[in-house]
């Protein structure tokens, strides 16, 4: 094997290793900040819902998921201007099918929060 072929081989090996490391980092367990924010968001905290949307949208501390981001921006958007702006940005980017999934997910989340809050009142 010539020197040029050997160097290309090792370049490919390094790229594969870097790819595996990036995959492991981005798919690892959610960060503590994400977990704490999710708890607050599930209690109905609009700022936490907005922050959760950002985390899902950017893939920070959790795997990137534009449907979940859309759903949390949708929830927070009722009284959060920043969430409405992010929702509009995502709407322009997503397919109609993805927007529908995001809307359905927002409804599911809302029902889950209402059920959780109702059970705590009993």
N, C-alpha and C. Protein backbone atom coordinates (compact mmCIF):
# COMPACT_ATOMS: atom_id res chain seq x y z
N UNK A 1 0.87 -1.17 0.00
CA UNK A 1 0.00 0.00 0.00
C UNK A 1 0.91 1.23 0.00
N UNK A 2 0.62 2.15 -0.90
CA UNK A 2 1.45 3.35 -0.99
C UNK A 2 1.17 4.28 0.20
N UNK A 3 2.09 5.21 0.39
CA UNK A 3 1.94 6.16 1.49
C UNK A 3 0.64 6.95 1.36
N UNK A 4 0.29 7.38 0.13
CA UNK A 4 -0.93 8.17 -0.09
C UNK A 4 -2.17 7.37 0.28
N UNK A 5 -2.19 6.09 -0.11
CA UNK A 5 -3.34 5.25 0.24
C UNK A 5 -3.42 5.02 1.74
N UNK A 6 -2.29 4.83 2.37
CA UNK A 6 -2.27 4.64 3.82
C UNK A 6 -2.79 5.88 4.54
N UNK A 7 -2.38 7.06 4.10
CA UNK A 7 -2.82 8.28 4.78
C UNK A 7 -4.32 8.48 4.58
N UNK A 8 -4.83 8.17 3.41
CA UNK A 8 -6.28 8.28 3.18
C UNK A 8 -7.05 7.27 4.04
N UNK A 9 -6.49 6.09 4.19
CA UNK A 9 -7.11 5.08 5.04
C UNK A 9 -7.22 5.60 6.47
N UNK A 10 -6.13 6.15 7.00
CA UNK A 10 -6.15 6.64 8.38
C UNK A 10 -7.03 7.87 8.53
N UNK A 11 -7.11 8.70 7.49
CA UNK A 11 -8.04 9.84 7.52
C UNK A 11 -9.47 9.32 7.65
N UNK A 12 -9.79 8.27 6.90
CA UNK A 12 -11.13 7.69 6.96
C UNK A 12 -11.40 7.10 8.34
N UNK A 13 -10.41 6.44 8.90
CA UNK A 13 -10.57 5.86 10.25
C UNK A 13 -10.84 6.96 11.26
N UNK A 14 -10.09 8.05 11.19
CA UNK A 14 -10.28 9.17 12.11
C UNK A 14 -11.68 9.76 11.95
N UNK A 15 -12.13 9.92 10.72
CA UNK A 15 -13.47 10.47 10.49
C UNK A 15 -14.55 9.56 11.09
N UNK A 16 -14.39 8.27 10.95
CA UNK A 16 -15.36 7.34 11.54
C UNK A 16 -15.36 7.47 13.06
N UNK A 17 -14.19 7.54 13.65
CA UNK A 17 -14.09 7.67 15.12
C UNK A 17 -14.73 8.96 15.58
N UNK A 18 -14.46 10.06 14.89
CA UNK A 18 -15.07 11.35 15.25
C UNK A 18 -16.59 11.26 15.12
N UNK A 19 -17.06 10.62 14.06
CA UNK A 19 -18.51 10.46 13.87
C UNK A 19 -19.14 9.67 15.00
N UNK A 20 -18.49 8.61 15.42
CA UNK A 20 -19.01 7.79 16.53
C UNK A 20 -19.04 8.60 17.82
N UNK A 21 -18.00 9.36 18.08
CA UNK A 21 -17.96 10.19 19.28
C UNK A 21 -19.07 11.23 19.26
N UNK A 22 -19.26 11.90 18.12
CA UNK A 22 -20.34 12.89 18.01
C UNK A 22 -21.69 12.25 18.21
N UNK A 23 -21.89 11.06 17.64
CA UNK A 23 -23.15 10.34 17.82
C UNK A 23 -23.39 10.04 19.29
N UNK A 24 -22.37 9.57 19.98
CA UNK A 24 -22.50 9.24 21.39
C UNK A 24 -22.81 10.47 22.23
N UNK A 25 -22.19 11.59 21.92
CA UNK A 25 -22.41 12.81 22.68
C UNK A 25 -23.82 13.33 22.47
N UNK A 26 -24.29 13.33 21.22
CA UNK A 26 -25.60 13.90 20.93
C UNK A 26 -26.75 12.98 21.30
N UNK A 27 -26.51 11.70 21.47
CA UNK A 27 -27.60 10.79 21.83
C UNK A 27 -27.48 10.28 23.26
N UNK A 28 -26.59 10.86 24.03
CA UNK A 28 -26.45 10.43 25.42
C UNK A 28 -27.66 10.88 26.22
N UNK A 29 -27.70 10.47 27.47
CA UNK A 29 -28.87 10.79 28.29
C UNK A 29 -29.04 12.31 28.41
N UNK A 30 -30.28 12.73 28.58
CA UNK A 30 -30.56 14.18 28.68
C UNK A 30 -29.78 14.83 29.83
N UNK A 31 -29.42 16.08 29.62
CA UNK A 31 -28.67 16.82 30.63
C UNK A 31 -29.54 17.10 31.85
N UNK A 32 -28.89 17.42 32.95
CA UNK A 32 -29.61 17.74 34.19
C UNK A 32 -30.48 18.99 33.98
N UNK A 33 -29.93 20.00 33.27
CA UNK A 33 -30.71 21.21 33.01
C UNK A 33 -31.97 20.86 32.23
N UNK A 34 -31.83 19.98 31.23
CA UNK A 34 -33.00 19.55 30.46
C UNK A 34 -34.03 18.89 31.37
N UNK A 35 -33.57 17.98 32.21
CA UNK A 35 -34.48 17.25 33.09
C UNK A 35 -35.22 18.19 34.04
N UNK A 36 -34.49 19.15 34.61
CA UNK A 36 -35.11 20.10 35.53
C UNK A 36 -36.10 21.01 34.79
N UNK A 37 -35.73 21.43 33.60
CA UNK A 37 -36.60 22.28 32.80
C UNK A 37 -37.87 21.54 32.42
N UNK A 38 -37.73 20.27 32.08
CA UNK A 38 -38.90 19.47 31.69
C UNK A 38 -39.89 19.34 32.85
N UNK A 39 -39.38 19.16 34.05
CA UNK A 39 -40.26 19.06 35.23
C UNK A 39 -41.08 20.34 35.38
N UNK A 40 -40.42 21.49 35.26
CA UNK A 40 -41.12 22.78 35.36
C UNK A 40 -42.11 22.96 34.22
N UNK A 41 -41.69 22.58 33.00
CA UNK A 41 -42.57 22.72 31.83
C UNK A 41 -43.83 21.89 32.00
N UNK A 42 -43.68 20.70 32.53
CA UNK A 42 -44.83 19.82 32.74
C UNK A 42 -45.78 20.35 33.79
N UNK A 43 -45.28 21.24 34.64
CA UNK A 43 -46.14 21.88 35.65
C UNK A 43 -46.83 23.12 35.07
N UNK A 44 -46.52 23.46 33.82
CA UNK A 44 -47.18 24.58 33.17
C UNK A 44 -46.38 25.87 33.14
N UNK A 45 -45.14 25.84 33.56
CA UNK A 45 -44.30 27.03 33.55
C UNK A 45 -43.99 27.43 32.10
N UNK A 46 -44.47 28.60 31.69
CA UNK A 46 -44.32 29.04 30.29
C UNK A 46 -42.87 29.27 29.90
N UNK A 47 -42.08 29.82 30.81
CA UNK A 47 -40.66 30.05 30.51
C UNK A 47 -39.95 28.72 30.33
N UNK A 48 -40.26 27.75 31.16
CA UNK A 48 -39.65 26.43 31.03
C UNK A 48 -40.10 25.76 29.73
N UNK A 49 -41.36 25.96 29.35
CA UNK A 49 -41.83 25.39 28.09
C UNK A 49 -41.08 26.01 26.91
N UNK A 50 -40.88 27.32 26.96
CA UNK A 50 -40.10 27.99 25.91
C UNK A 50 -38.67 27.44 25.90
N UNK A 51 -38.04 27.36 27.06
CA UNK A 51 -36.67 26.86 27.15
C UNK A 51 -36.56 25.42 26.64
N UNK A 52 -37.55 24.61 26.96
CA UNK A 52 -37.56 23.23 26.47
C UNK A 52 -37.66 23.20 24.94
N UNK A 53 -38.47 24.10 24.39
CA UNK A 53 -38.55 24.21 22.94
C UNK A 53 -37.20 24.53 22.33
N UNK A 54 -36.48 25.45 22.96
CA UNK A 54 -35.14 25.83 22.48
C UNK A 54 -34.20 24.63 22.56
N UNK A 55 -34.23 23.91 23.67
CA UNK A 55 -33.34 22.76 23.84
C UNK A 55 -33.61 21.69 22.78
N UNK A 56 -34.89 21.39 22.54
CA UNK A 56 -35.23 20.42 21.50
C UNK A 56 -34.85 20.95 20.12
N UNK A 57 -35.08 22.22 19.87
CA UNK A 57 -34.79 22.80 18.57
C UNK A 57 -33.30 22.78 18.25
N UNK A 58 -32.49 23.03 19.26
CA UNK A 58 -31.05 23.09 19.04
C UNK A 58 -30.33 21.78 19.35
N UNK A 59 -31.04 20.84 19.96
CA UNK A 59 -30.40 19.58 20.34
C UNK A 59 -29.40 19.77 21.46
N UNK A 60 -29.72 20.67 22.38
CA UNK A 60 -28.84 20.96 23.52
C UNK A 60 -29.28 20.13 24.72
N UNK A 61 -28.45 19.18 25.14
CA UNK A 61 -28.78 18.38 26.31
C UNK A 61 -29.79 17.29 26.04
N UNK A 62 -30.23 17.20 24.78
CA UNK A 62 -31.22 16.22 24.36
C UNK A 62 -31.11 16.09 22.84
N UNK A 63 -31.58 14.99 22.30
CA UNK A 63 -31.55 14.82 20.85
C UNK A 63 -32.43 15.88 20.18
N UNK A 64 -31.96 16.42 19.09
CA UNK A 64 -32.71 17.43 18.34
C UNK A 64 -34.03 16.83 17.87
N UNK A 65 -35.12 17.57 18.10
CA UNK A 65 -36.46 17.10 17.72
C UNK A 65 -37.34 18.31 17.44
N UNK A 66 -37.51 18.62 16.17
CA UNK A 66 -38.27 19.82 15.81
C UNK A 66 -39.76 19.68 16.11
N UNK A 67 -40.28 18.47 16.14
CA UNK A 67 -41.69 18.26 16.47
C UNK A 67 -41.92 18.60 17.94
N UNK A 68 -41.05 18.10 18.82
CA UNK A 68 -41.17 18.44 20.25
C UNK A 68 -40.94 19.93 20.46
N UNK A 69 -39.97 20.50 19.75
CA UNK A 69 -39.72 21.94 19.86
C UNK A 69 -40.98 22.71 19.48
N UNK A 70 -41.58 22.33 18.37
CA UNK A 70 -42.81 22.98 17.90
C UNK A 70 -43.90 22.88 18.97
N UNK A 71 -44.05 21.69 19.54
CA UNK A 71 -45.10 21.48 20.54
C UNK A 71 -44.90 22.37 21.76
N UNK A 72 -43.66 22.45 22.26
CA UNK A 72 -43.41 23.28 23.45
C UNK A 72 -43.50 24.77 23.14
N UNK A 73 -43.05 25.19 21.95
CA UNK A 73 -43.23 26.59 21.57
C UNK A 73 -44.72 26.91 21.44
N UNK A 74 -45.48 25.95 20.95
CA UNK A 74 -46.93 26.13 20.81
C UNK A 74 -47.57 26.33 22.18
N UNK A 75 -47.18 25.51 23.15
CA UNK A 75 -47.73 25.64 24.51
C UNK A 75 -47.37 26.99 25.12
N UNK A 76 -46.11 27.37 25.02
CA UNK A 76 -45.64 28.61 25.64
C UNK A 76 -46.12 29.84 24.89
N UNK A 77 -46.46 29.68 23.62
CA UNK A 77 -46.81 30.82 22.78
C UNK A 77 -48.07 31.56 23.18
N UNK A 78 -48.88 30.97 24.03
CA UNK A 78 -50.11 31.66 24.44
C UNK A 78 -49.81 32.97 25.16
N UNK A 79 -48.68 33.02 25.87
CA UNK A 79 -48.34 34.25 26.61
C UNK A 79 -46.86 34.59 26.55
N UNK A 80 -46.15 34.01 25.59
CA UNK A 80 -44.71 34.26 25.50
C UNK A 80 -44.37 34.67 24.07
N UNK A 81 -44.01 35.94 23.89
CA UNK A 81 -43.73 36.48 22.56
C UNK A 81 -42.57 35.76 21.89
N UNK A 82 -41.51 35.46 22.64
CA UNK A 82 -40.36 34.75 22.06
C UNK A 82 -40.78 33.38 21.53
N UNK A 83 -41.64 32.70 22.25
CA UNK A 83 -42.12 31.39 21.81
C UNK A 83 -42.93 31.53 20.52
N UNK A 84 -43.75 32.58 20.43
CA UNK A 84 -44.52 32.80 19.20
C UNK A 84 -43.59 33.04 18.01
N UNK A 85 -42.50 33.77 18.23
CA UNK A 85 -41.54 34.02 17.15
C UNK A 85 -40.86 32.72 16.72
N UNK A 86 -40.48 31.91 17.68
CA UNK A 86 -39.83 30.63 17.36
C UNK A 86 -40.80 29.68 16.66
N UNK A 87 -42.04 29.72 17.09
CA UNK A 87 -43.07 28.90 16.47
C UNK A 87 -43.25 29.30 15.01
N UNK A 88 -43.31 30.61 14.75
CA UNK A 88 -43.45 31.10 13.37
C UNK A 88 -42.24 30.69 12.52
N UNK A 89 -41.05 30.77 13.11
CA UNK A 89 -39.84 30.38 12.38
C UNK A 89 -39.89 28.90 12.02
N UNK A 90 -40.30 28.06 12.98
CA UNK A 90 -40.40 26.63 12.71
C UNK A 90 -41.50 26.32 11.70
N UNK A 91 -42.63 27.03 11.80
CA UNK A 91 -43.73 26.80 10.86
C UNK A 91 -43.28 27.03 9.42
N UNK A 92 -42.45 28.04 9.22
CA UNK A 92 -41.95 28.33 7.88
C UNK A 92 -41.01 27.24 7.37
N UNK A 93 -40.40 26.54 8.28
CA UNK A 93 -39.38 25.54 7.94
C UNK A 93 -39.95 24.13 7.79
N UNK A 94 -40.98 23.80 8.58
CA UNK A 94 -41.51 22.44 8.62
C UNK A 94 -42.50 22.18 7.49
N UNK A 95 -42.64 20.93 7.15
CA UNK A 95 -43.66 20.52 6.19
C UNK A 95 -45.03 20.60 6.86
N UNK A 96 -46.10 20.65 6.07
CA UNK A 96 -47.44 20.65 6.69
C UNK A 96 -47.67 19.43 7.58
N UNK A 97 -47.14 18.28 7.19
CA UNK A 97 -47.29 17.06 7.99
C UNK A 97 -46.57 17.20 9.33
N UNK A 98 -45.38 17.77 9.31
CA UNK A 98 -44.62 17.95 10.54
C UNK A 98 -45.31 18.96 11.45
N UNK A 99 -45.85 20.03 10.87
CA UNK A 99 -46.58 21.01 11.69
C UNK A 99 -47.79 20.36 12.35
N UNK A 100 -48.50 19.52 11.60
CA UNK A 100 -49.65 18.82 12.16
C UNK A 100 -49.23 17.91 13.31
N UNK A 101 -48.11 17.20 13.15
CA UNK A 101 -47.60 16.35 14.23
C UNK A 101 -47.25 17.20 15.46
N UNK A 102 -46.66 18.36 15.24
CA UNK A 102 -46.32 19.25 16.34
C UNK A 102 -47.56 19.75 17.06
N UNK A 103 -48.60 20.08 16.30
CA UNK A 103 -49.85 20.54 16.90
C UNK A 103 -50.51 19.42 17.71
N UNK A 104 -50.49 18.21 17.15
CA UNK A 104 -51.05 17.07 17.86
C UNK A 104 -50.27 16.79 19.15
N UNK A 105 -48.95 16.91 19.05
CA UNK A 105 -48.12 16.67 20.23
C UNK A 105 -48.39 17.72 21.30
N UNK A 106 -48.59 18.96 20.89
CA UNK A 106 -48.91 20.03 21.85
C UNK A 106 -50.21 19.72 22.58
N UNK A 107 -51.20 19.22 21.84
CA UNK A 107 -52.47 18.84 22.48
C UNK A 107 -52.28 17.70 23.47
N UNK A 108 -51.45 16.73 23.10
CA UNK A 108 -51.17 15.61 24.00
C UNK A 108 -50.50 16.12 25.28
N UNK A 109 -49.51 16.98 25.11
CA UNK A 109 -48.81 17.53 26.28
C UNK A 109 -49.76 18.31 27.17
N UNK A 110 -50.63 19.10 26.56
CA UNK A 110 -51.60 19.89 27.33
C UNK A 110 -52.51 18.98 28.14
N UNK A 111 -53.00 17.91 27.51
CA UNK A 111 -53.87 16.96 28.22
C UNK A 111 -53.12 16.28 29.37
N UNK A 112 -51.86 15.90 29.12
CA UNK A 112 -51.05 15.27 30.17
C UNK A 112 -50.87 16.22 31.35
N UNK A 113 -50.60 17.49 31.06
CA UNK A 113 -50.41 18.47 32.15
C UNK A 113 -51.70 18.68 32.91
N UNK A 114 -52.82 18.78 32.21
CA UNK A 114 -54.11 18.97 32.87
C UNK A 114 -54.46 17.77 33.75
N UNK A 115 -54.20 16.57 33.24
CA UNK A 115 -54.49 15.35 34.03
C UNK A 115 -53.59 15.30 35.28
N UNK A 116 -52.34 15.66 35.12
CA UNK A 116 -51.41 15.65 36.25
C UNK A 116 -51.83 16.65 37.30
N UNK A 117 -52.21 17.84 36.85
CA UNK A 117 -52.63 18.89 37.79
C UNK A 117 -53.95 18.52 38.47
N UNK A 118 -54.86 17.88 37.74
CA UNK A 118 -56.14 17.47 38.32
C UNK A 118 -55.92 16.40 39.40
N UNK A 119 -55.01 15.48 39.15
CA UNK A 119 -54.77 14.42 40.13
C UNK A 119 -54.10 14.96 41.39
N UNK A 120 -53.35 16.03 41.27
CA UNK A 120 -52.71 16.63 42.44
C UNK A 120 -53.72 17.40 43.29
N UNK A 121 -54.80 17.86 42.68
CA UNK A 121 -55.82 18.60 43.43
C UNK A 121 -56.71 17.68 44.24
N UNK A 122 -56.81 16.43 43.78
CA UNK A 122 -57.69 15.46 44.47
C UNK A 122 -57.13 15.00 45.78
